[in-house]
Amino acid sequence: MQQMRALQTAALAAVAASATPAPSIAVAADRQALAQMIKTNQVPLAFETALNQGDQSALEFVCNNVDPDAVFAFPAAMSQPVLLSLLQQLSLRLDSDTDLKFRYFLVIYIFNFSFRKFAKIIF
C-alpha cells in the first residue's frame, strides 16, 4: 500500500513539474529574434515565425512592436493564409490587449479584404 502511495505521489510530482515549466532562455532568444526581424523590416517573417510558434505571447509581442497601418497599407504585404491565421490567432484570447487586437482586425479588413473587393470593381 505504501509503495502504491509513493508511486502516486511521484507521478503527481512529475505531472506538476511538467505542467509548470520554468522560464527558459529560449523565450528571451525568441523575442530577440522577433525584435531583430522587425528592426530589419522583415515584418511578414516575424508574423509567420510568431504564428508558427503557436505562442500567443510571441504574437502579441510582434503586434505590440509593429504599426499595423504601415504593414497592411500594401495589399500584398502578407499572404492570404498568413492573414487568416493571424486573424484566427488574435481572436483566440480577446481578454488581453483587446484594443490592439481590434485595431489589427480593422486594419486587416480595410486594407486587405475591402481593397480586393474595390480592386475587382475598378479593374
PDB file of N, CA and C in Angstrom:
ATOM      1  N   MET A   1       0.815  -1.190   0.000  1.00  0.00           N
ATOM      2  CA  MET A   1       0.000   0.000   0.000  1.00  0.00           C
ATOM      3  C   MET A   1       0.861   1.258   0.000  1.00  0.00           C
ATOM      4  N   GLN A   2       1.959   1.223   0.791  1.00  0.00           N
ATOM      5  CA  GLN A   2       2.833   2.382   0.837  1.00  0.00           C
ATOM      6  C   GLN A   2       3.552   2.592  -0.493  1.00  0.00           C
ATOM      7  N   GLN A   3       3.884   1.502  -1.167  1.00  0.00           N
ATOM      8  CA  GLN A   3       4.527   1.617  -2.480  1.00  0.00           C
ATOM      9  C   GLN A   3       3.577   2.290  -3.470  1.00  0.00           C
ATOM     10  N   MET A   4       2.312   1.905  -3.421  1.00  0.00           N
ATOM     11  CA  MET A   4       1.298   2.491  -4.304  1.00  0.00           C
ATOM     12  C   MET A   4       1.176   3.988  -4.043  1.00  0.00           C
ATOM     13  N   ARG A   5       1.130   4.364  -2.785  1.00  0.00           N
ATOM     14  CA  ARG A   5       1.021   5.775  -2.406  1.00  0.00           C
ATOM     15  C   ARG A   5       2.270   6.546  -2.853  1.00  0.00           C
ATOM     16  N   ALA A   6       3.441   5.938  -2.718  1.00  0.00           N
ATOM     17  CA  ALA A   6       4.694   6.577  -3.137  1.00  0.00           C
ATOM     18  C   ALA A   6       4.721   6.772  -4.655  1.00  0.00           C
ATOM     19  N   LEU A   7       4.226   5.779  -5.376  1.00  0.00           N
ATOM     20  CA  LEU A   7       4.164   5.901  -6.836  1.00  0.00           C
ATOM     21  C   LEU A   7       3.196   7.004  -7.256  1.00  0.00           C
ATOM     22  N   GLN A   8       2.054   7.084  -6.590  1.00  0.00           N
ATOM     23  CA  GLN A   8       1.089   8.138  -6.898  1.00  0.00           C
ATOM     24  C   GLN A   8       1.673   9.515  -6.608  1.00  0.00           C
ATOM     25  N   THR A   9       2.361   9.636  -5.487  1.00  0.00           N
ATOM     26  CA  THR A   9       2.982  10.915  -5.135  1.00  0.00           C
ATOM     27  C   THR A   9       4.047  11.300  -6.152  1.00  0.00           C
ATOM     28  N   ALA A  10       4.853  10.339  -6.563  1.00  0.00           N
ATOM     29  CA  ALA A  10       5.893  10.604  -7.565  1.00  0.00           C
ATOM     30  C   ALA A  10       5.271  10.988  -8.897  1.00  0.00           C
ATOM     31  N   ALA A  11       4.197  10.320  -9.284  1.00  0.00           N
ATOM     32  CA  ALA A  11       3.525  10.631 -10.546  1.00  0.00           C
ATOM     33  C   ALA A  11       2.916  12.023 -10.506  1.00  0.00           C
ATOM     34  N   LEU A  12       2.287  12.373  -9.383  1.00  0.00           N
ATOM     35  CA  LEU A  12       1.710  13.711  -9.245  1.00  0.00           C
ATOM     36  C   LEU A  12       2.795  14.785  -9.272  1.00  0.00           C
ATOM     37  N   ALA A  13       3.922  14.513  -8.658  1.00  0.00           N
ATOM     38  CA  ALA A  13       5.025  15.480  -8.665  1.00  0.00           C
ATOM     39  C   ALA A  13       5.565  15.666 -10.077  1.00  0.00           C
ATOM     40  N   ALA A  14       5.656  14.571 -10.833  1.00  0.00           N
ATOM     41  CA  ALA A  14       6.141  14.659 -12.215  1.00  0.00           C
ATOM     42  C   ALA A  14       5.173  15.453 -13.082  1.00  0.00           C
ATOM     43  N   VAL A  15       3.882  15.231 -12.919  1.00  0.00           N
ATOM     44  CA  VAL A  15       2.871  15.970 -13.680  1.00  0.00           C
ATOM     45  C   VAL A  15       2.914  17.449 -13.317  1.00  0.00           C
ATOM     46  N   ALA A  16       3.034  17.757 -12.045  1.00  0.00           N
ATOM     47  CA  ALA A  16       3.089  19.154 -11.606  1.00  0.00           C
ATOM     48  C   ALA A  16       4.326  19.847 -12.160  1.00  0.00           C
ATOM     49  N   ALA A  17       5.440  19.144 -12.181  1.00  0.00           N
ATOM     50  CA  ALA A  17       6.675  19.739 -12.699  1.00  0.00           C
ATOM     51  C   ALA A  17       6.579  20.001 -14.194  1.00  0.00           C
ATOM     52  N   SER A  18       5.928  19.106 -14.925  1.00  0.00           N
ATOM     53  CA  SER A  18       5.811  19.309 -16.372  1.00  0.00           C
ATOM     54  C   SER A  18       4.740  20.340 -16.712  1.00  0.00           C
ATOM     55  N   ALA A  19       3.763  20.529 -15.847  1.00  0.00           N
ATOM     56  CA  ALA A  19       2.690  21.481 -16.118  1.00  0.00           C
ATOM     57  C   ALA A  19       3.122  22.917 -15.877  1.00  0.00           C
ATOM     58  N   THR A  20       4.131  23.133 -15.055  1.00  0.00           N
ATOM     59  CA  THR A  20       4.596  24.480 -14.773  1.00  0.00           C
ATOM     60  C   THR A  20       6.088  24.576 -15.078  1.00  0.00           C
ATOM     61  N   PRO A  21       6.419  24.676 -16.360  1.00  0.00           N
ATOM     62  CA  PRO A  21       7.840  24.726 -16.709  1.00  0.00           C
ATOM     63  C   PRO A  21       8.481  26.032 -16.237  1.00  0.00           C
ATOM     64  N   ALA A  22       9.727  25.945 -15.916  1.00  0.00           N
ATOM     65  CA  ALA A  22      10.470  27.134 -15.519  1.00  0.00           C
ATOM     66  C   ALA A  22      10.702  28.006 -16.746  1.00  0.00           C
ATOM     67  N   PRO A  23      10.750  29.318 -16.557  1.00  0.00           N
ATOM     68  CA  PRO A  23      11.028  30.194 -17.699  1.00  0.00           C
ATOM     69  C   PRO A  23      12.362  29.812 -18.323  1.00  0.00           C
ATOM     70  N   SER A  24      12.376  29.785 -19.626  1.00  0.00           N
ATOM     71  CA  SER A  24      13.598  29.345 -20.287  1.00  0.00           C
ATOM     72  C   SER A  24      14.284  30.490 -21.010  1.00  0.00           C
ATOM     73  N   ILE A  25      15.523  30.277 -21.290  1.00  0.00           N
ATOM     74  CA  ILE A  25      16.310  31.253 -22.033  1.00  0.00           C
ATOM     75  C   ILE A  25      15.811  31.313 -23.475  1.00  0.00           C
ATOM     76  N   ALA A  26      15.205  30.232 -23.937  1.00  0.00           N
ATOM     77  CA  ALA A  26      14.712  30.183 -25.314  1.00  0.00           C
ATOM     78  C   ALA A  26      13.658  31.256 -25.580  1.00  0.00           C
ATOM     79  N   VAL A  27      12.826  31.555 -24.582  1.00  0.00           N
ATOM     80  CA  VAL A  27      11.793  32.581 -24.756  1.00  0.00           C
ATOM     81  C   VAL A  27      12.441  33.930 -25.026  1.00  0.00           C
ATOM     82  N   ALA A  28      13.459  34.271 -24.257  1.00  0.00           N
ATOM     83  CA  ALA A  28      14.163  35.541 -24.466  1.00  0.00           C
ATOM     84  C   ALA A  28      14.848  35.562 -25.822  1.00  0.00           C
ATOM     85  N   ALA A  29      15.421  34.434 -26.221  1.00  0.00           N
ATOM     86  CA  ALA A  29      16.071  34.351 -27.527  1.00  0.00           C
ATOM     87  C   ALA A  29      15.057  34.506 -28.650  1.00  0.00           C
ATOM     88  N   ASP A  30      13.876  33.909 -28.478  1.00  0.00           N
ATOM     89  CA  ASP A  30      12.817  34.049 -29.477  1.00  0.00           C
ATOM     90  C   ASP A  30      12.393  35.504 -29.610  1.00  0.00           C
ATOM     91  N   ARG A  31      12.244  36.183 -28.482  1.00  0.00           N
ATOM     92  CA  ARG A  31      11.853  37.598 -28.516  1.00  0.00           C
ATOM     93  C   ARG A  31      12.927  38.441 -29.195  1.00  0.00           C
ATOM     94  N   GLN A  32      14.187  38.126 -28.928  1.00  0.00           N
ATOM     95  CA  GLN A  32      15.279  38.862 -29.565  1.00  0.00           C
ATOM     96  C   GLN A  32      15.276  38.624 -31.069  1.00  0.00           C
ATOM     97  N   ALA A  33      15.011  37.393 -31.479  1.00  0.00           N
ATOM     98  CA  ALA A  33      14.963  37.082 -32.912  1.00  0.00           C
ATOM     99  C   ALA A  33      13.799  37.813 -33.579  1.00  0.00           C
ATOM    100  N   LEU A  34      12.646  37.826 -32.919  1.00  0.00           N
ATOM    101  CA  LEU A  34      11.494  38.546 -33.467  1.00  0.00           C
ATOM    102  C   LEU A  34      11.771  40.038 -33.541  1.00  0.00           C
ATOM    103  N   ALA A  35      12.392  40.595 -32.499  1.00  0.00           N
ATOM    104  CA  ALA A  35      12.722  42.019 -32.493  1.00  0.00           C
ATOM    105  C   ALA A  35      13.701  42.353 -33.611  1.00  0.00           C
ATOM    106  N   GLN A  36      14.653  41.464 -33.852  1.00  0.00           N
ATOM    107  CA  GLN A  36      15.619  41.686 -34.936  1.00  0.00           C
ATOM    108  C   GLN A  36      14.930  41.653 -36.295  1.00  0.00           C
ATOM    109  N   MET A  37      13.991  40.750 -36.482  1.00  0.00           N
ATOM    110  CA  MET A  37      13.243  40.690 -37.739  1.00  0.00           C
ATOM    111  C   MET A  37      12.462  41.991 -37.960  1.00  0.00           C
ATOM    112  N   ILE A  38      11.842  42.480 -36.915  1.00  0.00           N
ATOM    113  CA  ILE A  38      11.072  43.727 -37.017  1.00  0.00           C
ATOM    114  C   ILE A  38      12.003  44.887 -37.331  1.00  0.00           C
ATOM    115  N   LYS A  39      13.139  44.921 -36.637  1.00  0.00           N
ATOM    116  CA  LYS A  39      14.114  46.008 -36.825  1.00  0.00           C
ATOM    117  C   LYS A  39      14.663  46.043 -38.245  1.00  0.00           C
ATOM    118  N   THR A  40      14.813  44.877 -38.864  1.00  0.00           N
ATOM    119  CA  THR A  40      15.367  44.798 -40.224  1.00  0.00           C
ATOM    120  C   THR A  40      14.272  44.736 -41.288  1.00  0.00           C
ATOM    121  N   ASN A  41      13.073  45.171 -40.927  1.00  0.00           N
ATOM    122  CA  ASN A  41      11.926  45.250 -41.853  1.00  0.00           C
ATOM    123  C   ASN A  41      11.525  43.905 -42.445  1.00  0.00           C
ATOM    124  N   GLN A  42      11.720  42.859 -41.689  1.00  0.00           N
ATOM    125  CA  GLN A  42      11.246  41.535 -42.086  1.00  0.00           C
ATOM    126  C   GLN A  42       9.971  41.224 -41.300  1.00  0.00           C
ATOM    127  N   VAL A  43       9.047  42.157 -41.351  1.00  0.00           N
ATOM    128  CA  VAL A  43       7.827  42.060 -40.545  1.00  0.00           C
ATOM    129  C   VAL A  43       6.975  40.849 -40.928  1.00  0.00           C
ATOM    130  N   PRO A  44       6.743  40.575 -42.222  1.00  0.00           N
ATOM    131  CA  PRO A  44       5.972  39.362 -42.545  1.00  0.00           C
ATOM    132  C   PRO A  44       6.606  38.089 -41.979  1.00  0.00           C
ATOM    133  N   LEU A  45       7.940  38.022 -42.017  1.00  0.00           N
ATOM    134  CA  LEU A  45       8.630  36.859 -41.454  1.00  0.00           C
ATOM    135  C   LEU A  45       8.449  36.801 -39.937  1.00  0.00           C
ATOM    136  N   ALA A  46       8.457  37.948 -39.283  1.00  0.00           N
ATOM    137  CA  ALA A  46       8.235  37.984 -37.828  1.00  0.00           C
ATOM    138  C   ALA A  46       6.841  37.461 -37.490  1.00  0.00           C
ATOM    139  N   PHE A  47       5.837  37.879 -38.267  1.00  0.00           N
ATOM    140  CA  PHE A  47       4.480  37.383 -38.030  1.00  0.00           C
ATOM    141  C   PHE A  47       4.406  35.879 -38.277  1.00  0.00           C
ATOM    142  N   GLU A  48       4.989  35.408 -39.379  1.00  0.00           N
ATOM    143  CA  GLU A  48       4.955  33.973 -39.680  1.00  0.00           C
ATOM    144  C   GLU A  48       5.658  33.171 -38.592  1.00  0.00           C
ATOM    145  N   THR A  49       6.790  33.667 -38.119  1.00  0.00           N
ATOM    146  CA  THR A  49       7.533  32.967 -37.071  1.00  0.00           C
ATOM    147  C   THR A  49       6.711  32.887 -35.790  1.00  0.00           C
ATOM    148  N   ALA A  50       6.114  33.999 -35.393  1.00  0.00           N
ATOM    149  CA  ALA A  50       5.293  34.018 -34.179  1.00  0.00           C
ATOM    150  C   ALA A  50       4.082  33.095 -34.328  1.00  0.00           C
ATOM    151  N   LEU A  51       3.462  33.103 -35.504  1.00  0.00           N
ATOM    152  CA  LEU A  51       2.307  32.232 -35.734  1.00  0.00           C
ATOM    153  C   LEU A  51       2.719  30.760 -35.700  1.00  0.00           C
ATOM    154  N   ASN A  52       3.874  30.437 -36.270  1.00  0.00           N
ATOM    155  CA  ASN A  52       4.342  29.057 -36.288  1.00  0.00           C
ATOM    156  C   ASN A  52       4.748  28.556 -34.909  1.00  0.00           C
ATOM    157  N   GLN A  53       5.135  29.474 -34.020  1.00  0.00           N
ATOM    158  CA  GLN A  53       5.485  29.066 -32.657  1.00  0.00           C
ATOM    159  C   GLN A  53       4.254  28.621 -31.884  1.00  0.00           C
ATOM    160  N   GLY A  54       3.090  29.119 -32.284  1.00  0.00           N
ATOM    161  CA  GLY A  54       1.867  28.758 -31.579  1.00  0.00           C
ATOM    162  C   GLY A  54       1.805  29.349 -30.179  1.00  0.00           C
ATOM    163  N   ASP A  55       2.567  30.400 -29.968  1.00  0.00           N
ATOM    164  CA  ASP A  55       2.647  31.051 -28.668  1.00  0.00           C
ATOM    165  C   ASP A  55       1.957  32.404 -28.753  1.00  0.00           C
ATOM    166  N   GLN A  56       0.853  32.541 -28.055  1.00  0.00           N
ATOM    167  CA  GLN A  56       0.070  33.775 -28.105  1.00  0.00           C
ATOM    168  C   GLN A  56       0.902  34.976 -27.672  1.00  0.00           C
ATOM    169  N   SER A  57       1.767  34.798 -26.689  1.00  0.00           N
ATOM    170  CA  SER A  57       2.569  35.924 -26.212  1.00  0.00           C
ATOM    171  C   SER A  57       3.585  36.368 -27.265  1.00  0.00           C
ATOM    172  N   ALA A  58       4.089  35.447 -28.079  1.00  0.00           N
ATOM    173  CA  ALA A  58       5.014  35.821 -29.158  1.00  0.00           C
ATOM    174  C   ALA A  58       4.279  36.653 -30.205  1.00  0.00           C
ATOM    175  N   LEU A  59       3.070  36.249 -30.527  1.00  0.00           N
ATOM    176  CA  LEU A  59       2.273  37.000 -31.496  1.00  0.00           C
ATOM    177  C   LEU A  59       1.927  38.384 -30.947  1.00  0.00           C
ATOM    178  N   GLU A  60       1.564  38.454 -29.691  1.00  0.00           N
ATOM    179  CA  GLU A  60       1.269  39.746 -29.079  1.00  0.00           C
ATOM    180  C   GLU A  60       2.509  40.632 -29.030  1.00  0.00           C
ATOM    181  N   PHE A  61       3.681  40.027 -28.841  1.00  0.00           N
ATOM    182  CA  PHE A  61       4.927  40.781 -28.864  1.00  0.00           C
ATOM    183  C   PHE A  61       5.129  41.445 -30.222  1.00  0.00           C
ATOM    184  N   VAL A  62       4.927  40.688 -31.291  1.00  0.00           N
ATOM    185  CA  VAL A  62       5.077  41.246 -32.640  1.00  0.00           C
ATOM    186  C   VAL A  62       4.041  42.342 -32.868  1.00  0.00           C
ATOM    187  N   CYS A  63       2.805  42.067 -32.521  1.00  0.00           N
ATOM    188  CA  CYS A  63       1.740  43.058 -32.718  1.00  0.00           C
ATOM    189  C   CYS A  63       2.016  44.354 -31.959  1.00  0.00           C
ATOM    190  N   ASN A  64       2.561  44.244 -30.763  1.00  0.00           N
ATOM    191  CA  ASN A  64       2.859  45.432 -29.970  1.00  0.00           C
ATOM    192  C   ASN A  64       4.036  46.226 -30.511  1.00  0.00           C
ATOM    193  N   ASN A  65       4.868  45.602 -31.328  1.00  0.00           N
ATOM    194  CA  ASN A  65       6.068  46.273 -31.827  1.00  0.00           C
ATOM    195  C   ASN A  65       5.988  46.639 -33.302  1.00  0.00           C
ATOM    196  N   VAL A  66       4.825  46.458 -33.904  1.00  0.00           N
ATOM    197  CA  VAL A  66       4.640  46.761 -35.325  1.00  0.00           C
ATOM    198  C   VAL A  66       3.420  47.665 -35.476  1.00  0.00           C
ATOM    199  N   ASP A  67       3.552  48.657 -36.322  1.00  0.00           N
ATOM    200  CA  ASP A  67       2.424  49.538 -36.626  1.00  0.00           C
ATOM    201  C   ASP A  67       1.579  48.887 -37.717  1.00  0.00           C
ATOM    202  N   PRO A  68       0.362  48.461 -37.404  1.00  0.00           N
ATOM    203  CA  PRO A  68      -0.441  47.759 -38.413  1.00  0.00           C
ATOM    204  C   PRO A  68      -0.769  48.637 -39.627  1.00  0.00           C
ATOM    205  N   ASP A  69      -0.905  49.935 -39.426  1.00  0.00           N
ATOM    206  CA  ASP A  69      -1.188  50.819 -40.563  1.00  0.00           C
ATOM    207  C   ASP A  69      -0.055  50.788 -41.580  1.00  0.00           C
ATOM    208  N   ALA A  70       1.173  50.720 -41.101  1.00  0.00           N
ATOM    209  CA  ALA A  70       2.326  50.700 -42.006  1.00  0.00           C
ATOM    210  C   ALA A  70       2.464  49.353 -42.709  1.00  0.00           C
ATOM    211  N   VAL A  71       2.198  48.280 -41.986  1.00  0.00           N
ATOM    212  CA  VAL A  71       2.381  46.941 -42.566  1.00  0.00           C
ATOM    213  C   VAL A  71       1.306  46.610 -43.588  1.00  0.00           C
ATOM    214  N   PHE A  72       0.071  46.882 -43.241  1.00  0.00           N
ATOM    215  CA  PHE A  72      -1.034  46.436 -44.077  1.00  0.00           C
ATOM    216  C   PHE A  72      -1.492  47.479 -45.085  1.00  0.00           C
ATOM    217  N   ALA A  73      -0.761  48.572 -45.200  1.00  0.00           N
ATOM    218  CA  ALA A  73      -1.109  49.590 -46.189  1.00  0.00           C
ATOM    219  C   ALA A  73      -0.914  49.066 -47.606  1.00  0.00           C
ATOM    220  N   PHE A  74      -0.061  48.068 -47.745  1.00  0.00           N
ATOM    221  CA  PHE A  74       0.177  47.455 -49.052  1.00  0.00           C
ATOM    222  C   PHE A  74      -0.599  46.155 -49.121  1.00  0.00           C
ATOM    223  N   PRO A  75      -1.496  46.013 -50.091  1.00  0.00           N
ATOM    224  CA  PRO A  75      -2.385  44.849 -50.132  1.00  0.00           C
ATOM    225  C   PRO A  75      -1.679  43.499 -50.138  1.00  0.00           C
ATOM    226  N   ALA A  76      -0.510  43.404 -50.721  1.00  0.00           N
ATOM    227  CA  ALA A  76       0.162  42.107 -50.814  1.00  0.00           C
ATOM    228  C   ALA A  76       1.273  41.963 -49.772  1.00  0.00           C
ATOM    229  N   ALA A  77       1.183  42.704 -48.676  1.00  0.00           N
ATOM    230  CA  ALA A  77       2.235  42.648 -47.655  1.00  0.00           C
ATOM    231  C   ALA A  77       2.377  41.245 -47.063  1.00  0.00           C
ATOM    232  N   MET A  78       1.257  40.549 -46.915  1.00  0.00           N
ATOM    233  CA  MET A  78       1.274  39.190 -46.379  1.00  0.00           C
ATOM    234  C   MET A  78       0.335  38.320 -47.184  1.00  0.00           C
ATOM    235  N   SER A  79       0.648  37.053 -47.214  1.00  0.00           N
ATOM    236  CA  SER A  79      -0.184  36.127 -47.973  1.00  0.00           C
ATOM    237  C   SER A  79      -1.533  35.931 -47.278  1.00  0.00           C
ATOM    238  N   GLN A  80      -2.501  35.499 -48.053  1.00  0.00           N
ATOM    239  CA  GLN A  80      -3.852  35.252 -47.520  1.00  0.00           C
ATOM    240  C   GLN A  80      -3.848  34.242 -46.370  1.00  0.00           C
ATOM    241  N   PRO A  81      -3.125  33.117 -46.475  1.00  0.00           N
ATOM    242  CA  PRO A  81      -3.113  32.168 -45.346  1.00  0.00           C
ATOM    243  C   PRO A  81      -2.532  32.775 -44.068  1.00  0.00           C
ATOM    244  N   VAL A  82      -1.504  33.608 -44.201  1.00  0.00           N
ATOM    245  CA  VAL A  82      -0.924  34.237 -43.018  1.00  0.00           C
ATOM    246  C   VAL A  82      -1.919  35.213 -42.403  1.00  0.00           C
ATOM    247  N   LEU A  83      -2.608  35.984 -43.239  1.00  0.00           N
ATOM    248  CA  LEU A  83      -3.618  36.913 -42.728  1.00  0.00           C
ATOM    249  C   LEU A  83      -4.732  36.180 -41.992  1.00  0.00           C
ATOM    250  N   LEU A  84      -5.208  35.099 -42.576  1.00  0.00           N
ATOM    251  CA  LEU A  84      -6.288  34.334 -41.937  1.00  0.00           C
ATOM    252  C   LEU A  84      -5.820  33.699 -40.634  1.00  0.00           C
ATOM    253  N   SER A  85      -4.602  33.193 -40.632  1.00  0.00           N
ATOM    254  CA  SER A  85      -4.051  32.620 -39.411  1.00  0.00           C
ATOM    255  C   SER A  85      -3.867  33.696 -38.344  1.00  0.00           C
ATOM    256  N   LEU A  86      -3.426  34.863 -38.763  1.00  0.00           N
ATOM    257  CA  LEU A  86      -3.262  35.978 -37.835  1.00  0.00           C
ATOM    258  C   LEU A  86      -4.604  36.367 -37.209  1.00  0.00           C
ATOM    259  N   LEU A  87      -5.624  36.490 -38.033  1.00  0.00           N
ATOM    260  CA  LEU A  87      -6.953  36.810 -37.506  1.00  0.00           C
ATOM    261  C   LEU A  87      -7.444  35.738 -36.534  1.00  0.00           C
ATOM    262  N   GLN A  88      -7.230  34.489 -36.897  1.00  0.00           N
ATOM    263  CA  GLN A  88      -7.677  33.383 -36.049  1.00  0.00           C
ATOM    264  C   GLN A  88      -6.935  33.382 -34.720  1.00  0.00           C
ATOM    265  N   GLN A  89      -5.617  33.544 -34.760  1.00  0.00           N
ATOM    266  CA  GLN A  89      -4.827  33.514 -33.533  1.00  0.00           C
ATOM    267  C   GLN A  89      -5.126  34.713 -32.626  1.00  0.00           C
ATOM    268  N   LEU A  90      -5.310  35.875 -33.236  1.00  0.00           N
ATOM    269  CA  LEU A  90      -5.625  37.057 -32.431  1.00  0.00           C
ATOM    270  C   LEU A  90      -6.987  36.930 -31.753  1.00  0.00           C
ATOM    271  N   SER A  91      -7.896  36.212 -32.372  1.00  0.00           N
ATOM    272  CA  SER A  91      -9.241  36.100 -31.805  1.00  0.00           C
ATOM    273  C   SER A  91      -9.355  35.011 -30.737  1.00  0.00           C
ATOM    274  N   LEU A  92      -8.304  34.251 -30.509  1.00  0.00           N
ATOM    275  CA  LEU A  92      -8.365  33.186 -29.504  1.00  0.00           C
ATOM    276  C   LEU A  92      -8.559  33.731 -28.097  1.00  0.00           C
ATOM    277  N   ARG A  93      -7.841  34.793 -27.771  1.00  0.00           N
ATOM    278  CA  ARG A  93      -7.927  35.380 -26.429  1.00  0.00           C
ATOM    279  C   ARG A  93      -8.202  36.869 -26.558  1.00  0.00           C
ATOM    280  N   LEU A  94      -9.443  37.233 -26.498  1.00  0.00           N
ATOM    281  CA  LEU A  94      -9.815  38.646 -26.614  1.00  0.00           C
ATOM    282  C   LEU A  94      -9.838  39.348 -25.258  1.00  0.00           C
ATOM    283  N   ASP A  95      -9.449  38.634 -24.210  1.00  0.00           N
ATOM    284  CA  ASP A  95      -9.452  39.238 -22.884  1.00  0.00           C
ATOM    285  C   ASP A  95      -8.176  40.021 -22.577  1.00  0.00           C
ATOM    286  N   SER A  96      -7.163  39.909 -23.441  1.00  0.00           N
ATOM    287  CA  SER A  96      -5.933  40.674 -23.237  1.00  0.00           C
ATOM    288  C   SER A  96      -5.598  41.448 -24.509  1.00  0.00           C
ATOM    289  N   ASP A  97      -5.080  42.640 -24.341  1.00  0.00           N
ATOM    290  CA  ASP A  97      -4.726  43.517 -25.476  1.00  0.00           C
ATOM    291  C   ASP A  97      -5.887  43.673 -26.460  1.00  0.00           C
ATOM    292  N   THR A  98      -7.082  43.803 -25.946  1.00  0.00           N
ATOM    293  CA  THR A  98      -8.277  43.847 -26.778  1.00  0.00           C
ATOM    294  C   THR A  98      -8.254  45.000 -27.776  1.00  0.00           C
ATOM    295  N   ASP A  99      -7.882  46.185 -27.327  1.00  0.00           N
ATOM    296  CA  ASP A  99      -7.849  47.334 -28.238  1.00  0.00           C
ATOM    297  C   ASP A  99      -6.879  47.110 -29.382  1.00  0.00           C
ATOM    298  N   LEU A 100      -5.703  46.586 -29.064  1.00  0.00           N
ATOM    299  CA  LEU A 100      -4.700  46.316 -30.093  1.00  0.00           C
ATOM    300  C   LEU A 100      -5.211  45.279 -31.096  1.00  0.00           C
ATOM    301  N   LYS A 101      -5.825  44.220 -30.590  1.00  0.00           N
ATOM    302  CA  LYS A 101      -6.319  43.162 -31.465  1.00  0.00           C
ATOM    303  C   LYS A 101      -7.432  43.671 -32.383  1.00  0.00           C
ATOM    304  N   PHE A 102      -8.352  44.465 -31.841  1.00  0.00           N
ATOM    305  CA  PHE A 102      -9.410  45.002 -32.693  1.00  0.00           C
ATOM    306  C   PHE A 102      -8.856  45.991 -33.714  1.00  0.00           C
ATOM    307  N   ARG A 103      -7.797  46.686 -33.349  1.00  0.00           N
ATOM    308  CA  ARG A 103      -7.147  47.582 -34.320  1.00  0.00           C
ATOM    309  C   ARG A 103      -6.583  46.759 -35.488  1.00  0.00           C
ATOM    310  N   TYR A 104      -5.950  45.635 -35.174  1.00  0.00           N
ATOM    311  CA  TYR A 104      -5.450  44.752 -36.228  1.00  0.00           C
ATOM    312  C   TYR A 104      -6.594  44.218 -37.085  1.00  0.00           C
ATOM    313  N   PHE A 105      -7.681  43.779 -36.445  1.00  0.00           N
ATOM    314  CA  PHE A 105      -8.832  43.279 -37.206  1.00  0.00           C
ATOM    315  C   PHE A 105      -9.306  44.331 -38.203  1.00  0.00           C
ATOM    316  N   LEU A 106      -9.460  45.540 -37.719  1.00  0.00           N
ATOM    317  CA  LEU A 106      -9.959  46.618 -38.553  1.00  0.00           C
ATOM    318  C   LEU A 106      -9.003  46.946 -39.696  1.00  0.00           C
ATOM    319  N   VAL A 107      -7.741  47.079 -39.385  1.00  0.00           N
ATOM    320  CA  VAL A 107      -6.753  47.433 -40.417  1.00  0.00           C
ATOM    321  C   VAL A 107      -6.633  46.324 -41.459  1.00  0.00           C
ATOM    322  N   ILE A 108      -6.616  45.080 -41.016  1.00  0.00           N
ATOM    323  CA  ILE A 108      -6.523  43.968 -41.978  1.00  0.00           C
ATOM    324  C   ILE A 108      -7.742  43.964 -42.889  1.00  0.00           C
ATOM    325  N   TYR A 109      -8.911  44.167 -42.318  1.00  0.00           N
ATOM    326  CA  TYR A 109     -10.121  44.180 -43.142  1.00  0.00           C
ATOM    327  C   TYR A 109     -10.095  45.344 -44.126  1.00  0.00           C
ATOM    328  N   ILE A 110      -9.821  46.525 -43.637  1.00  0.00           N
ATOM    329  CA  ILE A 110      -9.859  47.715 -44.503  1.00  0.00           C
ATOM    330  C   ILE A 110      -8.832  47.622 -45.620  1.00  0.00           C
ATOM    331  N   PHE A 111      -7.593  47.330 -45.275  1.00  0.00           N
ATOM    332  CA  PHE A 111      -6.529  47.372 -46.269  1.00  0.00           C
ATOM    333  C   PHE A 111      -6.434  46.129 -47.137  1.00  0.00           C
ATOM    334  N   ASN A 112      -6.983  45.018 -46.707  1.00  0.00           N
ATOM    335  CA  ASN A 112      -6.819  43.802 -47.492  1.00  0.00           C
ATOM    336  C   ASN A 112      -8.108  43.332 -48.135  1.00  0.00           C
ATOM    337  N   PHE A 113      -9.094  43.011 -47.333  1.00  0.00           N
ATOM    338  CA  PHE A 113     -10.288  42.416 -47.900  1.00  0.00           C
ATOM    339  C   PHE A 113     -11.128  43.437 -48.664  1.00  0.00           C
ATOM    340  N   SER A 114     -11.325  44.618 -48.118  1.00  0.00           N
ATOM    341  CA  SER A 114     -12.134  45.599 -48.832  1.00  0.00           C
ATOM    342  C   SER A 114     -11.369  46.172 -50.028  1.00  0.00           C
ATOM    343  N   PHE A 115     -10.021  46.233 -49.970  1.00  0.00           N
ATOM    344  CA  PHE A 115      -9.248  46.697 -51.128  1.00  0.00           C
ATOM    345  C   PHE A 115      -9.436  45.739 -52.298  1.00  0.00           C
ATOM    346  N   ARG A 116      -9.412  44.443 -52.014  1.00  0.00           N
ATOM    347  CA  ARG A 116      -9.566  43.459 -53.088  1.00  0.00           C
ATOM    348  C   ARG A 116     -10.944  43.563 -53.728  1.00  0.00           C
ATOM    349  N   LYS A 117     -11.975  43.794 -52.912  1.00  0.00           N
ATOM    350  CA  LYS A 117     -13.321  43.974 -53.476  1.00  0.00           C
ATOM    351  C   LYS A 117     -13.363  45.239 -54.331  1.00  0.00           C
ATOM    352  N   PHE A 118     -12.758  46.307 -53.821  1.00  0.00           N
ATOM    353  CA  PHE A 118     -12.703  47.570 -54.554  1.00  0.00           C
ATOM    354  C   PHE A 118     -11.915  47.402 -55.858  1.00  0.00           C
ATOM    355  N   ALA A 119     -10.793  46.686 -55.783  1.00  0.00           N
ATOM    356  CA  ALA A 119      -9.965  46.493 -56.977  1.00  0.00           C
ATOM    357  C   ALA A 119     -10.702  45.699 -58.036  1.00  0.00           C
ATOM    358  N   LYS A 120     -11.518  44.743 -57.636  1.00  0.00           N
ATOM    359  CA  LYS A 120     -12.291  43.964 -58.618  1.00  0.00           C
ATOM    360  C   LYS A 120     -13.319  44.842 -59.314  1.00  0.00           C
ATOM    361  N   ILE A 121     -13.881  45.797 -58.599  1.00  0.00           N
ATOM    362  CA  ILE A 121     -14.863  46.684 -59.185  1.00  0.00           C
ATOM    363  C   ILE A 121     -14.218  47.647 -60.170  1.00  0.00           C
ATOM    364  N   ILE A 122     -13.080  48.203 -59.791  1.00  0.00           N
ATOM    365  CA  ILE A 122     -12.399  49.213 -60.610  1.00  0.00           C
ATOM    366  C   ILE A 122     -11.722  48.592 -61.825  1.00  0.00           C
ATOM    367  N   PHE A 123     -11.038  47.480 -61.628  1.00  0.00           N
ATOM    368  CA  PHE A 123     -10.248  46.910 -62.720  1.00  0.00           C
ATOM    369  C   PHE A 123     -11.022  45.842 -63.364  1.00  0.00           C
TER     370      PHE A 123
END
